Amino acid sequence: MNNKQNIIIIGMPGSGKTTFGKALAQRLGRDFYDADDVIVEQEGKTIPELFAISEDCFRDAEVRASQFLADKSGIVVACGGGVVKRSENMDIFKKTGTVFFLDRSPDDIVSDVDVSTRPLLKDGKQKVYDLYDERIALYRNAADYRVPNNKTIEEVLDAFEDLIKDINE
């Protein structure tokens, strides 16, 4: 296995990062971390509480969590949707990991995800399209690989596994 052994999953809120991260970790026999859960644990505040202080407060916490996770090895990480807003997060993760952009169309996200339960999406469906437009270039630039999420869970997991095998050869 190469030195970029962590699997880092980025993508839009509602793109399936946590779902696929957990399933992939299980398939590969690795530990799974949801970066947002790590932030809550490290900071002792919920994400809405951190955002209530300021988005910068949350983003600072996100950088600390990124560093904490990048120091581990052989893990699968589902990042928060906005992790790409600070390029230093991607620099941190790329030292020990390979970054996968789980790309799901905004149409699929709004038709499938309960936007009311997502802090950044509480403003309604248009917000999903706005975020996608705002972040798509960031996701593409940050990613080592793009995995489209437009098939069954099994097919998307197989696509991940094929890429990971290629990396480790």
C-alpha atoms as a PDB file:
ATOM      1  CA  MET A   1       0.000   0.000   0.000  1.00  0.00           C
ATOM      2  CA  ASN A   2       1.328   3.446  -0.850  1.00  0.00           C
ATOM      3  CA  ASN A   3       1.694   6.299   1.598  1.00  0.00           C
ATOM      4  CA  LYS A   4      -1.563   7.858   0.445  1.00  0.00           C
ATOM      5  CA  GLN A   5      -3.596   5.209   2.153  1.00  0.00           C
ATOM      6  CA  ASN A   6      -6.473   7.222   3.572  1.00  0.00           C
ATOM      7  CA  ILE A   7      -9.587   7.442   1.437  1.00  0.00           C
ATOM      8  CA  ILE A   8     -11.070  10.929   1.570  1.00  0.00           C
ATOM      9  CA  ILE A   9     -14.567  11.448   0.155  1.00  0.00           C
ATOM     10  CA  ILE A  10     -15.714  14.943  -0.788  1.00  0.00           C
ATOM     11  CA  GLY A  11     -18.876  16.151  -2.466  1.00  0.00           C
ATOM     12  CA  MET A  12     -22.090  18.048  -2.100  1.00  0.00           C
ATOM     13  CA  PRO A  13     -24.331  17.782   0.959  1.00  0.00           C
ATOM     14  CA  GLY A  14     -26.654  14.903   0.120  1.00  0.00           C
ATOM     15  CA  SER A  15     -24.293  13.310  -2.406  1.00  0.00           C
ATOM     16  CA  GLY A  16     -23.949  10.142  -0.313  1.00  0.00           C
ATOM     17  CA  LYS A  17     -20.524  10.639   1.275  1.00  0.00           C
ATOM     18  CA  THR A  18     -21.442   9.135   4.641  1.00  0.00           C
ATOM     19  CA  THR A  19     -23.507   6.287   3.184  1.00  0.00           C
ATOM     20  CA  PHE A  20     -20.773   5.265   0.746  1.00  0.00           C
ATOM     21  CA  GLY A  21     -17.966   5.966   3.193  1.00  0.00           C
ATOM     22  CA  LYS A  22     -19.442   3.583   5.759  1.00  0.00           C
ATOM     23  CA  ALA A  23     -20.152   0.880   3.181  1.00  0.00           C
ATOM     24  CA  LEU A  24     -16.699   1.226   1.621  1.00  0.00           C
ATOM     25  CA  ALA A  25     -14.964   1.081   4.998  1.00  0.00           C
ATOM     26  CA  GLN A  26     -16.905  -2.068   5.806  1.00  0.00           C
ATOM     27  CA  ARG A  27     -15.995  -3.656   2.467  1.00  0.00           C
ATOM     28  CA  LEU A  28     -12.321  -2.812   2.898  1.00  0.00           C
ATOM     29  CA  GLY A  29     -12.111  -3.622   6.609  1.00  0.00           C
ATOM     30  CA  ARG A  30     -11.162  -0.054   7.541  1.00  0.00           C
ATOM     31  CA  ASP A  31     -12.283   2.422  10.161  1.00  0.00           C
ATOM     32  CA  PHE A  32     -14.795   5.056   9.044  1.00  0.00           C
ATOM     33  CA  TYR A  33     -14.893   8.667  10.212  1.00  0.00           C
ATOM     34  CA  ASP A  34     -17.481  11.305   9.481  1.00  0.00           C
ATOM     35  CA  ALA A  35     -15.501  14.560   9.637  1.00  0.00           C
ATOM     36  CA  ASP A  36     -18.519  16.457  10.982  1.00  0.00           C
ATOM     37  CA  ASP A  37     -18.806  14.010  13.904  1.00  0.00           C
ATOM     38  CA  VAL A  38     -15.095  14.515  14.625  1.00  0.00           C
ATOM     39  CA  ILE A  39     -15.614  18.290  14.678  1.00  0.00           C
ATOM     40  CA  VAL A  40     -18.484  17.980  17.166  1.00  0.00           C
ATOM     41  CA  GLU A  41     -16.421  15.650  19.357  1.00  0.00           C
ATOM     42  CA  GLN A  42     -13.297  17.824  19.260  1.00  0.00           C
ATOM     43  CA  GLU A  43     -15.029  21.165  19.740  1.00  0.00           C
ATOM     44  CA  GLY A  44     -17.728  20.123  22.205  1.00  0.00           C
ATOM     45  CA  LYS A  45     -20.315  22.048  20.177  1.00  0.00           C
ATOM     46  CA  THR A  46     -22.809  21.045  17.524  1.00  0.00           C
ATOM     47  CA  ILE A  47     -22.273  22.180  13.969  1.00  0.00           C
ATOM     48  CA  PRO A  48     -25.243  24.596  14.123  1.00  0.00           C
ATOM     49  CA  GLU A  49     -23.704  26.052  17.321  1.00  0.00           C
ATOM     50  CA  LEU A  50     -20.366  26.577  15.566  1.00  0.00           C
ATOM     51  CA  PHE A  51     -22.088  28.145  12.553  1.00  0.00           C
ATOM     52  CA  ALA A  52     -24.100  30.365  14.914  1.00  0.00           C
ATOM     53  CA  ILE A  53     -20.811  31.867  16.095  1.00  0.00           C
ATOM     54  CA  SER A  54     -19.657  32.267  12.484  1.00  0.00           C
ATOM     55  CA  GLU A  55     -18.931  30.213   9.419  1.00  0.00           C
ATOM     56  CA  ASP A  56     -15.243  31.019  10.007  1.00  0.00           C
ATOM     57  CA  CYS A  57     -15.486  29.484  13.473  1.00  0.00           C
ATOM     58  CA  PHE A  58     -16.823  26.290  11.903  1.00  0.00           C
ATOM     59  CA  ARG A  59     -14.237  26.322   9.085  1.00  0.00           C
ATOM     60  CA  ASP A  60     -11.400  26.734  11.630  1.00  0.00           C
ATOM     61  CA  ALA A  61     -12.721  23.699  13.509  1.00  0.00           C
ATOM     62  CA  GLU A  62     -12.891  21.843  10.197  1.00  0.00           C
ATOM     63  CA  VAL A  63      -9.189  22.495   9.578  1.00  0.00           C
ATOM     64  CA  ARG A  64      -8.329  21.105  13.032  1.00  0.00           C
ATOM     65  CA  ALA A  65     -10.448  18.007  12.356  1.00  0.00           C
ATOM     66  CA  SER A  66      -8.804  17.561   8.937  1.00  0.00           C
ATOM     67  CA  GLN A  67      -5.378  17.563  10.573  1.00  0.00           C
ATOM     68  CA  PHE A  68      -6.517  15.079  13.243  1.00  0.00           C
ATOM     69  CA  LEU A  69      -7.895  12.717  10.576  1.00  0.00           C
ATOM     70  CA  ALA A  70      -4.943  13.065   8.204  1.00  0.00           C
ATOM     71  CA  ASP A  71      -2.665  11.924  11.035  1.00  0.00           C
ATOM     72  CA  LYS A  72      -4.445   8.546  11.089  1.00  0.00           C
ATOM     73  CA  SER A  73      -3.705   5.834   8.569  1.00  0.00           C
ATOM     74  CA  GLY A  74      -5.782   3.425   6.531  1.00  0.00           C
ATOM     75  CA  ILE A  75      -9.105   5.132   7.253  1.00  0.00           C
ATOM     76  CA  VAL A  76     -12.106   6.227   5.179  1.00  0.00           C
ATOM     77  CA  VAL A  77     -13.303   9.798   5.773  1.00  0.00           C
ATOM     78  CA  ALA A  78     -16.541  11.437   4.687  1.00  0.00           C
ATOM     79  CA  CYS A  79     -15.894  15.185   4.670  1.00  0.00           C
ATOM     80  CA  GLY A  80     -18.415  17.952   5.129  1.00  0.00           C
ATOM     81  CA  GLY A  81     -19.692  19.428   1.883  1.00  0.00           C
ATOM     82  CA  GLY A  82     -17.823  22.697   2.337  1.00  0.00           C
ATOM     83  CA  VAL A  83     -14.423  21.245   3.229  1.00  0.00           C
ATOM     84  CA  VAL A  84     -13.146  22.373  -0.188  1.00  0.00           C
ATOM     85  CA  LYS A  85     -13.832  26.012   0.635  1.00  0.00           C
ATOM     86  CA  ARG A  86     -10.444  26.122   2.360  1.00  0.00           C
ATOM     87  CA  SER A  87      -7.730  24.724   0.145  1.00  0.00           C
ATOM     88  CA  GLU A  88      -5.566  24.030   3.194  1.00  0.00           C
ATOM     89  CA  ASN A  89      -7.958  21.189   4.110  1.00  0.00           C
ATOM     90  CA  MET A  90      -7.258  19.508   0.785  1.00  0.00           C
ATOM     91  CA  ASP A  91      -3.506  20.068   1.205  1.00  0.00           C
ATOM     92  CA  ILE A  92      -3.695  18.423   4.643  1.00  0.00           C
ATOM     93  CA  PHE A  93      -5.713  15.426   3.428  1.00  0.00           C
ATOM     94  CA  LYS A  94      -3.571  14.860   0.326  1.00  0.00           C
ATOM     95  CA  LYS A  95      -0.454  14.305   2.423  1.00  0.00           C
ATOM     96  CA  THR A  96      -1.804  10.963   3.619  1.00  0.00           C
ATOM     97  CA  GLY A  97      -4.848  10.329   1.482  1.00  0.00           C
ATOM     98  CA  THR A  98      -6.390  10.086  -1.923  1.00  0.00           C
ATOM     99  CA  VAL A  99      -9.347  12.395  -2.511  1.00  0.00           C
ATOM    100  CA  PHE A 100     -12.452  11.070  -4.238  1.00  0.00           C
ATOM    101  CA  PHE A 101     -15.181  13.421  -5.447  1.00  0.00           C
ATOM    102  CA  LEU A 102     -18.529  11.644  -5.112  1.00  0.00           C
ATOM    103  CA  ASP A 103     -20.369  13.503  -7.856  1.00  0.00           C
ATOM    104  CA  ARG A 104     -24.138  13.472  -7.683  1.00  0.00           C
ATOM    105  CA  SER A 105     -26.303  15.762  -9.760  1.00  0.00           C
ATOM    106  CA  PRO A 106     -28.204  18.524  -7.953  1.00  0.00           C
ATOM    107  CA  ASP A 107     -31.431  17.132  -9.469  1.00  0.00           C
ATOM    108  CA  ASP A 108     -30.838  13.788  -7.737  1.00  0.00           C
ATOM    109  CA  ILE A 109     -29.949  15.492  -4.469  1.00  0.00           C
ATOM    110  CA  VAL A 110     -33.068  17.655  -4.298  1.00  0.00           C
ATOM    111  CA  SER A 111     -35.355  14.805  -5.285  1.00  0.00           C
ATOM    112  CA  ASP A 112     -33.878  12.469  -2.665  1.00  0.00           C
ATOM    113  CA  VAL A 113     -32.567  14.412   0.315  1.00  0.00           C
ATOM    114  CA  ASP A 114     -34.666  15.962   3.049  1.00  0.00           C
ATOM    115  CA  VAL A 115     -33.207  19.438   2.679  1.00  0.00           C
ATOM    116  CA  SER A 116     -34.871  20.608   5.898  1.00  0.00           C
ATOM    117  CA  THR A 117     -32.488  18.482   7.981  1.00  0.00           C
ATOM    118  CA  ARG A 118     -29.350  19.919   6.357  1.00  0.00           C
ATOM    119  CA  PRO A 119     -28.098  23.167   7.915  1.00  0.00           C
ATOM    120  CA  LEU A 120     -26.841  24.647   4.670  1.00  0.00           C
ATOM    121  CA  LEU A 121     -29.833  23.421   2.693  1.00  0.00           C
ATOM    122  CA  LYS A 122     -32.570  24.710   4.968  1.00  0.00           C
ATOM    123  CA  ASP A 123     -33.055  27.615   2.561  1.00  0.00           C
ATOM    124  CA  GLY A 124     -34.676  25.257   0.088  1.00  0.00           C
ATOM    125  CA  LYS A 125     -33.904  23.434  -3.104  1.00  0.00           C
ATOM    126  CA  GLN A 126     -32.477  26.372  -5.050  1.00  0.00           C
ATOM    127  CA  LYS A 127     -29.673  26.459  -2.482  1.00  0.00           C
ATOM    128  CA  VAL A 128     -28.559  23.017  -3.711  1.00  0.00           C
ATOM    129  CA  TYR A 129     -28.169  24.336  -7.258  1.00  0.00           C
ATOM    130  CA  ASP A 130     -26.414  27.485  -6.050  1.00  0.00           C
ATOM    131  CA  LEU A 131     -23.970  25.463  -3.927  1.00  0.00           C
ATOM    132  CA  TYR A 132     -23.301  23.087  -6.796  1.00  0.00           C
ATOM    133  CA  ASP A 133     -22.500  25.979  -9.128  1.00  0.00           C
ATOM    134  CA  GLU A 134     -20.361  27.630  -6.453  1.00  0.00           C
ATOM    135  CA  ARG A 135     -18.411  24.488  -5.536  1.00  0.00           C
ATOM    136  CA  ILE A 136     -18.260  22.211  -8.565  1.00  0.00           C
ATOM    137  CA  ALA A 137     -14.920  23.613  -9.753  1.00  0.00           C
ATOM    138  CA  LEU A 138     -13.516  23.325  -6.206  1.00  0.00           C
ATOM    139  CA  TYR A 139     -14.562  19.671  -5.979  1.00  0.00           C
ATOM    140  CA  ARG A 140     -13.114  18.858  -9.387  1.00  0.00           C
ATOM    141  CA  ASN A 141      -9.837  20.628  -8.650  1.00  0.00           C
ATOM    142  CA  ALA A 142      -9.457  19.027  -5.219  1.00  0.00           C
ATOM    143  CA  ALA A 143     -10.216  15.481  -6.315  1.00  0.00           C
ATOM    144  CA  ASP A 144      -7.689  12.891  -7.380  1.00  0.00           C
ATOM    145  CA  TYR A 145     -10.597  10.861  -8.772  1.00  0.00           C
ATOM    146  CA  ARG A 146     -14.249  11.508  -9.585  1.00  0.00           C
ATOM    147  CA  VAL A 147     -16.828   8.816  -8.805  1.00  0.00           C
ATOM    148  CA  PRO A 148     -20.256   9.526 -10.284  1.00  0.00           C
ATOM    149  CA  ASN A 149     -23.110   8.637  -7.936  1.00  0.00           C
ATOM    150  CA  ASN A 150     -25.719   7.814 -10.554  1.00  0.00           C
ATOM    151  CA  LYS A 151     -26.012   4.033 -10.252  1.00  0.00           C
ATOM    152  CA  THR A 152     -26.913   1.517  -7.563  1.00  0.00           C
ATOM    153  CA  ILE A 153     -24.995   1.550  -4.285  1.00  0.00           C
ATOM    154  CA  GLU A 154     -23.264  -1.690  -5.295  1.00  0.00           C
ATOM    155  CA  GLU A 155     -22.148  -0.300  -8.664  1.00  0.00           C
ATOM    156  CA  VAL A 156     -20.815   2.906  -7.119  1.00  0.00           C
ATOM    157  CA  LEU A 157     -18.952   0.904  -4.452  1.00  0.00           C
ATOM    158  CA  ASP A 158     -17.455  -1.284  -7.184  1.00  0.00           C
ATOM    159  CA  ALA A 159     -16.265   1.858  -8.990  1.00  0.00           C
ATOM    160  CA  PHE A 160     -14.578   3.041  -5.764  1.00  0.00           C
ATOM    161  CA  GLU A 161     -12.944  -0.348  -5.254  1.00  0.00           C
ATOM    162  CA  ASP A 162     -11.642  -0.485  -8.821  1.00  0.00           C
ATOM    163  CA  LEU A 163     -10.008   2.934  -8.423  1.00  0.00           C
ATOM    164  CA  ILE A 164      -8.503   1.992  -5.047  1.00  0.00           C
ATOM    165  CA  LYS A 165      -7.043  -1.226  -6.516  1.00  0.00           C
ATOM    166  CA  ASP A 166      -5.455   0.808  -9.324  1.00  0.00           C
ATOM    167  CA  ILE A 167      -3.928   3.239  -6.822  1.00  0.00           C
ATOM    168  CA  ASN A 168      -2.408   0.442  -4.762  1.00  0.00           C
ATOM    169  CA  GLU A 169      -0.874  -1.416  -7.698  1.00  0.00           C
END
